[in-house]
Amino acid sequence: MKQTGAFLLFMMLAGVARLEAHAFLQEAEPGVGSTVQASPNEVKIRFTERIEPALSKIQVFAATGDEVDKRDAHLDRSDPAILIVSLPKLGIGTYKVVWRVVSSDTHVAEGNFTFHIRSAKNVRKS
């Protein structure tokens, strides 16, 4: 009887955890807190679940507070859990990425991180 009660309690708690799920930042390019050798062409963030593009945003700011991204935030065509924004050539310095997403289950998550550029050369994609 105790085992059955413990099992039911576990299942209830597991169900509550699933109901409270949010899209969390899983991975970023450039990486969170990273130093890159050259200006990236874009910032790409992967979340733990699919996000709603019309209700989600990503912005990149210079140390001056000016927004420096191309204001073209969009989902990756092959993965609706990846949000991307394009960048112009950026100079040496520290940049802050600010994001706010709404997951497919309508939960809101937001956060920010920085990355540093060591050289002003652009990264070329092959």
Protein backbone atom coordinates (compact mmCIF):
# COMPACT_ATOMS: atom_id res chain seq x y z
CA MET A 1 0.00 0.00 0.00
CA LYS A 2 2.84 2.42 0.83
CA GLN A 3 4.47 1.68 -2.53
CA THR A 4 1.23 2.44 -4.37
CA GLY A 5 0.84 5.73 -2.48
CA ALA A 6 4.44 6.71 -3.19
CA PHE A 7 4.01 5.84 -6.87
CA LEU A 8 0.83 7.94 -7.14
CA LEU A 9 2.53 10.88 -5.42
CA PHE A 10 5.47 10.60 -7.83
CA MET A 11 3.14 10.54 -10.85
CA MET A 12 1.24 13.61 -9.59
CA LEU A 13 4.46 15.56 -9.07
CA ALA A 14 5.78 14.52 -12.47
CA GLY A 15 2.52 15.71 -14.06
CA VAL A 16 2.76 19.08 -12.31
CA ALA A 17 6.37 19.47 -13.50
CA ARG A 18 5.26 18.86 -17.09
CA LEU A 19 2.44 21.41 -16.78
CA GLU A 20 4.89 24.04 -15.58
CA ALA A 21 7.35 23.50 -18.45
CA HIS A 22 8.94 26.55 -20.09
CA ALA A 23 11.26 27.04 -23.03
CA PHE A 24 14.74 27.38 -21.55
CA LEU A 25 17.87 28.53 -23.35
CA GLN A 26 19.74 25.34 -24.23
CA GLU A 27 22.57 26.64 -26.41
CA ALA A 28 23.67 29.90 -28.03
CA GLU A 29 26.02 30.94 -30.85
CA PRO A 30 28.09 32.91 -29.97
CA GLY A 31 28.15 31.12 -26.66
CA VAL A 32 26.94 32.66 -23.43
CA GLY A 33 29.80 34.74 -21.99
CA SER A 34 32.12 33.70 -24.82
CA THR A 35 34.87 35.65 -26.56
CA VAL A 36 34.90 35.28 -30.33
CA GLN A 37 37.78 36.17 -32.62
CA ALA A 38 35.65 37.93 -35.24
CA SER A 39 32.24 39.52 -35.70
CA PRO A 40 29.56 36.82 -36.10
CA ASN A 41 27.00 37.13 -38.89
CA GLU A 42 24.13 36.20 -36.57
CA VAL A 43 23.11 35.23 -33.05
CA LYS A 44 21.38 31.89 -32.82
CA ILE A 45 19.66 30.58 -29.69
CA ARG A 46 18.33 27.04 -29.27
CA PHE A 47 15.56 26.54 -26.73
CA THR A 48 14.40 23.35 -25.03
CA GLU A 49 11.08 23.39 -26.86
CA ARG A 50 9.36 24.88 -29.89
CA ILE A 51 8.64 28.60 -29.68
CA GLU A 52 6.02 30.87 -31.24
CA PRO A 53 7.77 33.25 -33.68
CA ALA A 54 5.12 36.00 -33.69
CA LEU A 55 5.37 36.35 -29.90
CA SER A 56 9.13 35.93 -29.50
CA LYS A 57 12.06 38.30 -29.98
CA ILE A 58 15.81 38.50 -29.80
CA GLN A 59 17.82 41.72 -29.78
CA VAL A 60 21.54 42.55 -29.62
CA PHE A 61 22.81 45.72 -27.94
CA ALA A 62 26.22 47.42 -27.92
CA ALA A 63 27.74 48.65 -24.65
CA THR A 64 26.30 52.09 -25.50
CA GLY A 65 22.78 50.66 -25.27
CA ASP A 66 22.16 50.97 -29.01
CA GLU A 67 20.43 48.04 -30.73
CA VAL A 68 22.87 46.71 -33.34
CA ASP A 69 21.08 43.69 -34.85
CA LYS A 70 19.31 43.83 -38.23
CA ARG A 71 15.87 43.50 -36.56
CA ASP A 72 15.05 40.40 -38.59
CA ALA A 73 14.42 37.85 -35.82
CA HIS A 74 13.13 34.58 -37.21
CA LEU A 75 12.96 30.86 -36.51
CA ASP A 76 15.38 28.45 -38.11
CA ARG A 77 13.62 26.83 -41.09
CA SER A 78 14.56 23.33 -39.98
CA ASP A 79 14.05 23.68 -36.21
CA PRO A 80 11.24 25.72 -34.57
CA ALA A 81 13.19 25.74 -31.29
CA ILE A 82 15.95 27.96 -32.75
CA LEU A 83 15.58 31.76 -32.87
CA ILE A 84 18.00 33.76 -35.04
CA VAL A 85 18.77 37.43 -35.63
CA SER A 86 21.25 38.73 -38.24
CA LEU A 87 24.11 41.08 -37.40
CA PRO A 88 26.04 43.65 -39.40
CA LYS A 89 29.81 43.74 -39.04
CA LEU A 90 30.40 44.58 -35.37
CA GLY A 91 33.45 46.16 -33.84
CA ILE A 92 35.57 44.99 -30.96
CA GLY A 93 33.64 45.06 -27.70
CA THR A 94 31.03 43.46 -25.50
CA TYR A 95 27.49 42.87 -26.74
CA LYS A 96 24.34 41.98 -24.82
CA VAL A 97 21.76 39.59 -26.24
CA VAL A 98 18.25 40.05 -24.83
CA TRP A 99 15.55 37.51 -25.59
CA ARG A 100 11.92 36.87 -24.75
CA VAL A 101 10.09 33.83 -26.07
CA VAL A 102 6.67 32.29 -25.81
CA SER A 103 6.75 28.51 -26.01
CA SER A 104 4.17 26.45 -27.87
CA ASP A 105 2.37 25.86 -24.54
CA THR A 106 2.09 29.69 -24.11
CA HIS A 107 4.60 30.04 -21.26
CA VAL A 108 6.82 33.13 -21.38
CA ALA A 109 10.56 32.94 -20.73
CA GLU A 110 13.12 35.71 -20.99
CA GLY A 111 16.76 36.32 -20.33
CA ASN A 112 19.98 37.85 -21.54
CA PHE A 113 23.67 37.13 -21.91
CA THR A 114 26.79 38.79 -23.23
CA PHE A 115 29.54 37.88 -25.66
CA HIS A 116 32.76 39.69 -26.50
CA ILE A 117 34.35 40.30 -29.91
CA ARG A 118 38.15 40.37 -29.92
CA SER A 119 38.62 41.35 -33.60
CA ALA A 120 36.44 43.30 -36.03
CA LYS A 121 36.81 40.85 -38.94
CA ASN A 122 33.60 39.12 -40.12
CA VAL A 123 33.18 35.37 -39.79
CA ARG A 124 32.66 33.82 -43.21
CA LYS A 125 30.21 30.94 -43.65
CA SER A 126 31.15 28.32 -46.21
